[in-house]
Amino acid sequence: MFGLGVPELIVILVVALIIFGPGKLPEIGSALGKGIRDFRKAMEGGDKETEAIAPPDAEAKIATPEKDEASNSRA
């Protein structure tokens, strides 16, 4: 896809090791992995955890108090 082979990946890894050091390299790899995983979940159509927190009818429940206020002001 990008023409990256084993030699190119080794050069990138060595440069990253020199720049960030051996202590930060695992943290950077972990953050990059989480970012890619979240991106893939977003591309697949949503996050099931978010849907569990905010069900589709949550908007109707939020809109209900506004309707109550409108009916109170008419009375």
Protein backbone atom coordinates (compact mmCIF):
# COMPACT_ATOMS: atom_id res chain seq x y z
CA MET A 1 0.00 0.00 0.00
CA PHE A 2 2.65 2.52 1.01
CA GLY A 3 5.65 0.52 -0.13
CA LEU A 4 6.86 -0.09 3.43
CA GLY A 5 8.94 -3.19 3.77
CA VAL A 6 10.89 -4.65 6.65
CA PRO A 7 13.97 -2.40 6.17
CA GLU A 8 11.84 0.75 6.18
CA LEU A 9 9.97 -0.33 9.31
CA ILE A 10 13.26 -1.03 11.09
CA VAL A 11 14.57 2.44 10.19
CA ILE A 12 11.34 4.04 11.48
CA LEU A 13 11.57 2.05 14.72
CA VAL A 14 15.22 3.03 15.25
CA VAL A 15 14.48 6.72 14.63
CA ALA A 16 11.52 6.59 17.05
CA LEU A 17 13.72 4.87 19.63
CA ILE A 18 16.36 7.58 19.30
CA ILE A 19 13.86 10.43 19.50
CA PHE A 20 11.58 9.18 22.29
CA GLY A 21 13.84 6.78 24.18
CA PRO A 22 13.12 3.27 25.39
CA GLY A 23 10.93 4.44 28.30
CA LYS A 24 8.32 6.28 26.24
CA LEU A 25 8.20 3.95 23.25
CA PRO A 26 5.74 1.42 24.83
CA GLU A 27 3.44 4.25 25.89
CA ILE A 28 3.44 5.70 22.40
CA GLY A 29 2.73 2.28 20.87
CA SER A 30 -0.14 1.70 23.28
CA ALA A 31 -1.68 5.09 22.55
CA LEU A 32 -1.33 4.52 18.82
CA GLY A 33 -2.99 1.11 19.10
CA LYS A 34 -5.91 2.52 21.09
CA GLY A 35 -6.34 5.30 18.56
CA ILE A 36 -6.45 2.88 15.65
CA ARG A 37 -8.91 0.62 17.51
CA ASP A 38 -11.22 3.55 18.30
CA PHE A 39 -11.03 4.72 14.70
CA ARG A 40 -12.02 1.27 13.44
CA LYS A 41 -14.95 1.13 15.87
CA ALA A 42 -16.12 4.54 14.67
CA MET A 43 -15.88 3.47 11.04
CA GLU A 44 -17.90 0.29 11.73
CA GLY A 45 -20.91 2.31 12.75
CA GLY A 46 -20.71 3.30 16.36
CA ASP A 47 -19.66 2.43 19.82
CA LYS A 48 -21.84 -0.05 21.70
CA GLU A 49 -20.81 1.46 25.05
CA THR A 50 -22.15 4.86 24.02
CA GLU A 51 -25.41 3.31 22.83
CA ALA A 52 -25.81 1.56 26.19
CA ILE A 53 -25.33 4.85 28.06
CA ALA A 54 -27.65 6.93 25.86
CA PRO A 55 -30.51 4.85 24.42
CA PRO A 56 -32.24 6.16 21.27
CA ASP A 57 -35.30 7.32 23.25
CA ALA A 58 -33.12 9.54 25.46
CA GLU A 59 -33.86 12.51 23.22
CA ALA A 60 -37.59 12.12 23.83
CA LYS A 61 -36.99 12.11 27.60
CA ILE A 62 -34.88 15.24 27.33
CA ALA A 63 -37.51 17.00 25.23
CA THR A 64 -40.33 16.17 27.70
CA PRO A 65 -39.50 18.92 30.24
CA GLU A 66 -39.60 21.53 27.49
CA LYS A 67 -43.09 20.39 26.52
CA ASP A 68 -44.17 20.56 30.17
CA GLU A 69 -42.86 24.12 30.47
CA ALA A 70 -44.69 25.10 27.28
CA SER A 71 -47.97 23.65 28.55
CA ASN A 72 -47.52 25.43 31.92
CA SER A 73 -47.01 28.79 30.23
CA ARG A 74 -50.23 28.40 28.22
CA ALA A 75 -52.31 27.75 31.32
